[in-house]
N, C-alpha and C. Protein backbone atom coordinates (compact mmCIF):
# COMPACT_ATOMS: atom_id res chain seq x y z
N MET A 1 84.14 83.44 119.06
CA MET A 1 82.72 83.58 118.87
C MET A 1 82.10 82.23 118.51
N ALA A 2 82.76 81.48 117.66
CA ALA A 2 82.25 80.18 117.26
C ALA A 2 82.13 79.25 118.46
N ASP A 3 83.08 79.32 119.41
CA ASP A 3 83.02 78.46 120.59
C ASP A 3 81.83 78.81 121.46
N ILE A 4 81.55 80.10 121.63
CA ILE A 4 80.40 80.52 122.41
C ILE A 4 79.12 80.02 121.76
N TRP A 5 79.04 80.17 120.44
CA TRP A 5 77.87 79.70 119.71
C TRP A 5 77.70 78.21 119.93
N LYS A 6 78.81 77.46 119.80
CA LYS A 6 78.76 76.02 119.96
C LYS A 6 78.22 75.63 121.33
N GLU A 7 78.76 76.27 122.38
CA GLU A 7 78.36 75.92 123.73
C GLU A 7 76.91 76.26 124.00
N ASN A 8 76.51 77.47 123.66
CA ASN A 8 75.16 77.92 123.98
C ASN A 8 74.11 77.40 123.01
N THR A 9 74.36 77.55 121.74
CA THR A 9 73.35 77.24 120.75
C THR A 9 73.10 75.75 120.62
N LEU A 10 74.13 74.95 120.65
CA LEU A 10 73.92 73.50 120.52
C LEU A 10 73.13 72.95 121.70
N GLU A 11 73.40 73.46 122.91
CA GLU A 11 72.62 73.03 124.07
C GLU A 11 71.17 73.46 123.92
N ASP A 12 70.96 74.70 123.49
CA ASP A 12 69.60 75.20 123.28
C ASP A 12 68.88 74.39 122.21
N LEU A 13 69.60 74.03 121.16
CA LEU A 13 69.03 73.25 120.08
C LEU A 13 68.61 71.87 120.58
N GLU A 14 69.48 71.24 121.38
CA GLU A 14 69.16 69.93 121.94
C GLU A 14 67.94 69.99 122.85
N ARG A 15 67.78 71.08 123.57
CA ARG A 15 66.62 71.23 124.46
C ARG A 15 65.41 71.79 123.72
N GLU A 16 65.55 71.93 122.40
CA GLU A 16 64.50 72.44 121.53
C GLU A 16 64.06 73.84 121.90
N LEU A 17 65.02 74.67 122.33
CA LEU A 17 64.73 76.06 122.66
C LEU A 17 64.91 76.98 121.45
N LEU A 18 65.58 76.49 120.42
CA LEU A 18 65.77 77.27 119.19
C LEU A 18 64.83 76.75 118.12
N GLU A 19 64.31 77.68 117.36
CA GLU A 19 63.42 77.28 116.28
C GLU A 19 63.96 77.81 114.95
N TYR A 20 64.04 76.92 114.00
CA TYR A 20 64.41 77.28 112.64
C TYR A 20 63.29 76.83 111.73
N LYS A 21 63.01 77.63 110.72
CA LYS A 21 61.94 77.28 109.79
C LYS A 21 62.30 76.07 108.96
N ASN A 22 63.61 75.95 108.64
CA ASN A 22 64.05 74.81 107.82
C ASN A 22 65.54 74.58 108.06
N VAL A 23 66.04 73.52 107.49
CA VAL A 23 67.46 73.17 107.65
C VAL A 23 68.35 74.22 107.02
N GLY A 24 67.95 74.79 105.90
CA GLY A 24 68.73 75.82 105.22
C GLY A 24 68.98 77.02 106.12
N GLU A 25 67.97 77.44 106.84
CA GLU A 25 68.11 78.57 107.77
C GLU A 25 69.10 78.23 108.88
N PHE A 26 69.01 77.01 109.39
CA PHE A 26 69.94 76.54 110.42
C PHE A 26 71.38 76.53 109.91
N LEU A 27 71.58 75.97 108.71
CA LEU A 27 72.93 75.90 108.14
C LEU A 27 73.49 77.28 107.83
N THR A 28 72.65 78.19 107.38
CA THR A 28 73.09 79.57 107.13
C THR A 28 73.58 80.20 108.42
N ASP A 29 72.87 79.97 109.51
CA ASP A 29 73.27 80.51 110.81
C ASP A 29 74.61 79.93 111.26
N ILE A 30 74.79 78.64 111.08
CA ILE A 30 76.05 77.99 111.46
C ILE A 30 77.20 78.54 110.63
N ARG A 31 77.03 78.61 109.31
CA ARG A 31 78.08 79.12 108.43
C ARG A 31 78.48 80.55 108.81
N LYS A 32 77.48 81.38 109.08
CA LYS A 32 77.75 82.77 109.45
C LYS A 32 78.59 82.83 110.72
N GLU A 33 78.23 82.09 111.73
CA GLU A 33 78.95 82.12 112.99
C GLU A 33 80.39 81.63 112.84
N PHE A 34 80.58 80.54 112.13
CA PHE A 34 81.92 79.99 112.00
C PHE A 34 82.79 80.85 111.09
N ARG A 35 82.23 81.42 110.07
CA ARG A 35 82.98 82.29 109.16
C ARG A 35 83.48 83.52 109.91
N GLU A 36 82.65 84.12 110.72
CA GLU A 36 83.05 85.31 111.47
C GLU A 36 84.12 84.99 112.50
N GLY A 37 84.10 83.80 113.06
CA GLY A 37 85.06 83.43 114.07
C GLY A 37 86.45 83.16 113.51
N ASP A 38 86.55 83.03 112.20
CA ASP A 38 87.83 82.65 111.60
C ASP A 38 88.34 83.71 110.63
N LYS A 39 87.95 84.94 110.81
CA LYS A 39 88.36 86.01 109.89
C LYS A 39 89.87 86.20 109.86
N GLU A 40 90.52 86.08 111.01
CA GLU A 40 91.97 86.27 111.06
C GLU A 40 92.68 85.24 110.20
N SER A 41 92.26 83.99 110.26
CA SER A 41 92.88 82.95 109.44
C SER A 41 92.67 83.21 107.96
N VAL A 42 91.50 83.68 107.61
CA VAL A 42 91.21 84.00 106.21
C VAL A 42 92.12 85.13 105.73
N LYS A 43 92.32 86.15 106.57
CA LYS A 43 93.19 87.26 106.20
C LYS A 43 94.64 86.80 106.05
N ILE A 44 95.09 85.88 106.89
CA ILE A 44 96.46 85.36 106.79
C ILE A 44 96.65 84.62 105.47
N VAL A 45 95.68 83.79 105.10
CA VAL A 45 95.75 83.07 103.83
C VAL A 45 95.75 84.04 102.67
N GLU A 46 94.91 85.06 102.75
CA GLU A 46 94.86 86.08 101.69
C GLU A 46 96.22 86.78 101.56
N LEU A 47 96.82 87.09 102.69
CA LEU A 47 98.12 87.75 102.70
C LEU A 47 99.19 86.85 102.08
N LYS A 48 99.18 85.59 102.41
CA LYS A 48 100.18 84.65 101.92
C LYS A 48 100.01 84.31 100.44
N ARG A 49 98.85 84.56 99.89
CA ARG A 49 98.61 84.30 98.46
C ARG A 49 98.99 85.47 97.56
N LEU A 50 99.21 86.62 98.15
CA LEU A 50 99.54 87.81 97.36
C LEU A 50 100.90 87.67 96.68
N GLU A 51 100.98 88.21 95.49
CA GLU A 51 102.24 88.31 94.76
C GLU A 51 102.20 89.61 93.97
N GLN A 52 103.34 90.27 93.88
CA GLN A 52 103.38 91.53 93.15
C GLN A 52 103.20 91.31 91.66
N LYS A 53 103.90 90.36 91.10
CA LYS A 53 103.88 90.08 89.66
C LYS A 53 104.06 91.35 88.85
N GLU A 54 103.10 91.67 88.00
CA GLU A 54 103.20 92.82 87.09
C GLU A 54 102.64 94.11 87.68
N LYS A 55 102.13 94.06 88.90
CA LYS A 55 101.53 95.24 89.51
C LYS A 55 102.60 96.26 89.89
N THR A 56 102.21 97.53 89.87
CA THR A 56 103.12 98.54 90.39
C THR A 56 103.24 98.31 91.90
N MET A 57 104.32 98.80 92.47
CA MET A 57 104.52 98.63 93.91
C MET A 57 103.41 99.34 94.69
N LYS A 58 103.01 100.50 94.21
CA LYS A 58 101.96 101.25 94.89
C LYS A 58 100.65 100.45 94.95
N LYS A 59 100.27 99.85 93.84
CA LYS A 59 99.06 99.03 93.77
C LYS A 59 99.21 97.80 94.66
N PHE A 60 100.36 97.17 94.59
CA PHE A 60 100.60 95.97 95.41
C PHE A 60 100.51 96.30 96.89
N ILE A 61 101.09 97.43 97.30
CA ILE A 61 101.07 97.82 98.71
C ILE A 61 99.64 98.06 99.19
N GLN A 62 98.81 98.63 98.34
CA GLN A 62 97.39 98.81 98.70
C GLN A 62 96.75 97.45 98.99
N GLU A 63 96.99 96.48 98.12
CA GLU A 63 96.45 95.13 98.31
C GLU A 63 97.04 94.47 99.56
N PHE A 64 98.33 94.67 99.76
CA PHE A 64 99.01 94.08 100.92
C PHE A 64 98.44 94.65 102.21
N LYS A 65 98.26 95.96 102.27
CA LYS A 65 97.70 96.60 103.47
C LYS A 65 96.29 96.09 103.75
N ARG A 66 95.49 95.96 102.71
CA ARG A 66 94.12 95.49 102.87
C ARG A 66 94.11 94.06 103.41
N ALA A 67 94.98 93.21 102.89
CA ALA A 67 95.06 91.82 103.36
C ALA A 67 95.64 91.74 104.76
N ALA A 68 96.61 92.60 105.07
CA ALA A 68 97.26 92.57 106.38
C ALA A 68 96.33 93.04 107.49
N ARG A 69 95.42 93.96 107.16
CA ARG A 69 94.48 94.46 108.15
C ARG A 69 93.60 93.31 108.63
N GLY A 70 93.66 93.02 109.89
CA GLY A 70 92.86 91.94 110.46
C GLY A 70 93.58 90.60 110.50
N SER A 71 94.80 90.54 109.99
CA SER A 71 95.54 89.28 109.97
C SER A 71 96.22 88.98 111.31
N GLY A 72 96.39 90.02 112.11
CA GLY A 72 97.11 89.86 113.37
C GLY A 72 98.61 90.01 113.21
N TYR A 73 99.09 90.14 111.98
CA TYR A 73 100.53 90.31 111.73
C TYR A 73 100.92 91.74 112.08
N LYS A 74 102.00 91.87 112.82
CA LYS A 74 102.51 93.17 113.23
C LYS A 74 104.01 93.22 113.03
N ARG A 75 104.54 94.40 113.02
CA ARG A 75 105.97 94.72 112.99
C ARG A 75 106.81 93.78 112.12
N ARG A 76 107.69 93.03 112.75
CA ARG A 76 108.68 92.21 112.04
C ARG A 76 108.03 91.16 111.14
N LEU A 77 107.00 90.50 111.65
CA LEU A 77 106.33 89.47 110.86
C LEU A 77 105.70 90.06 109.61
N LEU A 78 105.18 91.27 109.72
CA LEU A 78 104.60 91.95 108.57
C LEU A 78 105.67 92.28 107.53
N VAL A 79 106.84 92.72 108.00
CA VAL A 79 107.96 93.01 107.10
C VAL A 79 108.42 91.74 106.39
N VAL A 80 108.52 90.65 107.13
CA VAL A 80 108.94 89.37 106.54
C VAL A 80 107.98 88.96 105.43
N GLU A 81 106.68 89.05 105.68
CA GLU A 81 105.69 88.69 104.66
C GLU A 81 105.77 89.62 103.46
N PHE A 82 105.97 90.90 103.72
CA PHE A 82 106.08 91.87 102.63
C PHE A 82 107.25 91.51 101.71
N LYS A 83 108.39 91.23 102.30
CA LYS A 83 109.58 90.89 101.49
C LYS A 83 109.36 89.63 100.67
N LYS A 84 108.61 88.68 101.19
CA LYS A 84 108.34 87.44 100.45
C LYS A 84 107.43 87.68 99.25
N ARG A 85 106.58 88.68 99.31
CA ARG A 85 105.54 88.89 98.31
C ARG A 85 105.93 89.82 97.18
N ILE A 86 107.00 90.62 97.37
CA ILE A 86 107.38 91.58 96.32
C ILE A 86 108.25 90.89 95.26
N SER A 87 108.43 91.59 94.15
CA SER A 87 109.24 91.03 93.06
C SER A 87 110.67 90.79 93.53
N ALA A 88 111.30 89.81 92.95
CA ALA A 88 112.67 89.44 93.34
C ALA A 88 113.65 90.59 93.13
N ILE A 89 113.48 91.32 92.05
CA ILE A 89 114.41 92.42 91.75
C ILE A 89 114.36 93.50 92.83
N ILE A 90 113.16 93.91 93.19
CA ILE A 90 113.04 94.94 94.23
C ILE A 90 113.50 94.39 95.57
N HIS A 91 113.18 93.13 95.83
CA HIS A 91 113.64 92.50 97.07
C HIS A 91 115.16 92.55 97.17
N TRP A 92 115.86 92.18 96.11
CA TRP A 92 117.33 92.20 96.11
C TRP A 92 117.86 93.62 96.32
N ARG A 93 117.24 94.57 95.62
CA ARG A 93 117.68 95.97 95.77
C ARG A 93 117.49 96.47 97.20
N LEU A 94 116.39 96.10 97.81
CA LEU A 94 116.16 96.49 99.21
C LEU A 94 117.20 95.86 100.14
N MET A 95 117.57 94.62 99.86
CA MET A 95 118.53 93.93 100.71
C MET A 95 119.95 94.48 100.52
N GLU A 96 120.21 95.15 99.39
CA GLU A 96 121.52 95.73 99.13
C GLU A 96 121.74 97.07 99.82
N LEU A 97 120.70 97.62 100.43
CA LEU A 97 120.83 98.91 101.09
C LEU A 97 121.88 98.84 102.20
N GLU A 98 122.62 99.92 102.35
CA GLU A 98 123.66 99.97 103.37
C GLU A 98 123.07 99.90 104.77
N TRP A 99 121.93 100.50 104.97
CA TRP A 99 121.29 100.46 106.28
C TRP A 99 119.98 99.70 106.16
N GLN A 100 119.66 99.00 107.19
CA GLN A 100 118.42 98.21 107.17
C GLN A 100 117.23 99.08 107.54
N LEU A 101 116.16 98.87 106.86
CA LEU A 101 114.93 99.59 107.15
C LEU A 101 114.28 99.02 108.40
N GLY A 102 113.55 99.85 109.10
CA GLY A 102 112.92 99.41 110.35
C GLY A 102 111.44 99.11 110.20
N SER A 103 110.63 100.15 110.14
CA SER A 103 109.18 99.98 110.12
C SER A 103 108.68 99.52 108.76
N ILE A 104 107.49 98.98 108.75
CA ILE A 104 106.88 98.53 107.50
C ILE A 104 106.66 99.73 106.57
N GLU A 105 106.36 100.88 107.14
CA GLU A 105 106.18 102.09 106.32
C GLU A 105 107.46 102.46 105.59
N GLN A 106 108.62 102.28 106.24
CA GLN A 106 109.90 102.55 105.58
C GLN A 106 110.11 101.57 104.43
N TRP A 107 109.74 100.32 104.62
CA TRP A 107 109.85 99.32 103.55
C TRP A 107 108.94 99.70 102.38
N TYR A 108 107.71 100.11 102.68
CA TYR A 108 106.78 100.53 101.63
C TYR A 108 107.37 101.69 100.83
N ASN A 109 107.81 102.72 101.53
CA ASN A 109 108.32 103.92 100.86
C ASN A 109 109.55 103.62 100.00
N ARG A 110 110.49 102.85 100.51
CA ARG A 110 111.69 102.53 99.74
C ARG A 110 111.34 101.65 98.54
N ALA A 111 110.44 100.71 98.73
CA ALA A 111 110.03 99.82 97.62
C ALA A 111 109.36 100.62 96.52
N ILE A 112 108.52 101.58 96.87
CA ILE A 112 107.87 102.45 95.87
C ILE A 112 108.92 103.24 95.11
N ALA A 113 109.88 103.80 95.84
CA ALA A 113 110.97 104.57 95.18
C ALA A 113 111.76 103.69 94.22
N LEU A 114 112.08 102.48 94.61
CA LEU A 114 112.83 101.57 93.74
C LEU A 114 112.00 101.16 92.52
N ASP A 115 110.71 100.98 92.72
CA ASP A 115 109.83 100.56 91.64
C ASP A 115 109.73 101.65 90.58
N ARG A 116 109.80 102.89 90.98
CA ARG A 116 109.73 104.02 90.03
C ARG A 116 110.96 104.05 89.13
N ASN A 117 112.10 103.60 89.69
CA ASN A 117 113.33 103.60 88.91
C ASN A 117 113.31 102.39 88.01
């Protein structure tokens, strides 16, 4: 979206086809366009900053799901990020399982069960 804005709007601006009341209005429009074009990157950064710390696994998973939505992360990559963000103790317990978990939902459910214990 930002690229389309750049191509069309900057040309229109140069030809004086766009009118802004002031510079602030123009800058607000630019910020809005560029911010919307980079939502996926923002979600990835949000996801990578998450840490379980003292939160219950259930609460952490809610935050993780919210951050993951729109990040573009799917399947295996989502599982990898999840394992990096949970507490070390639960991570170790999950890795000790005799069988490996598949879907992210299986990881969520097992992590919640381990957190309760």
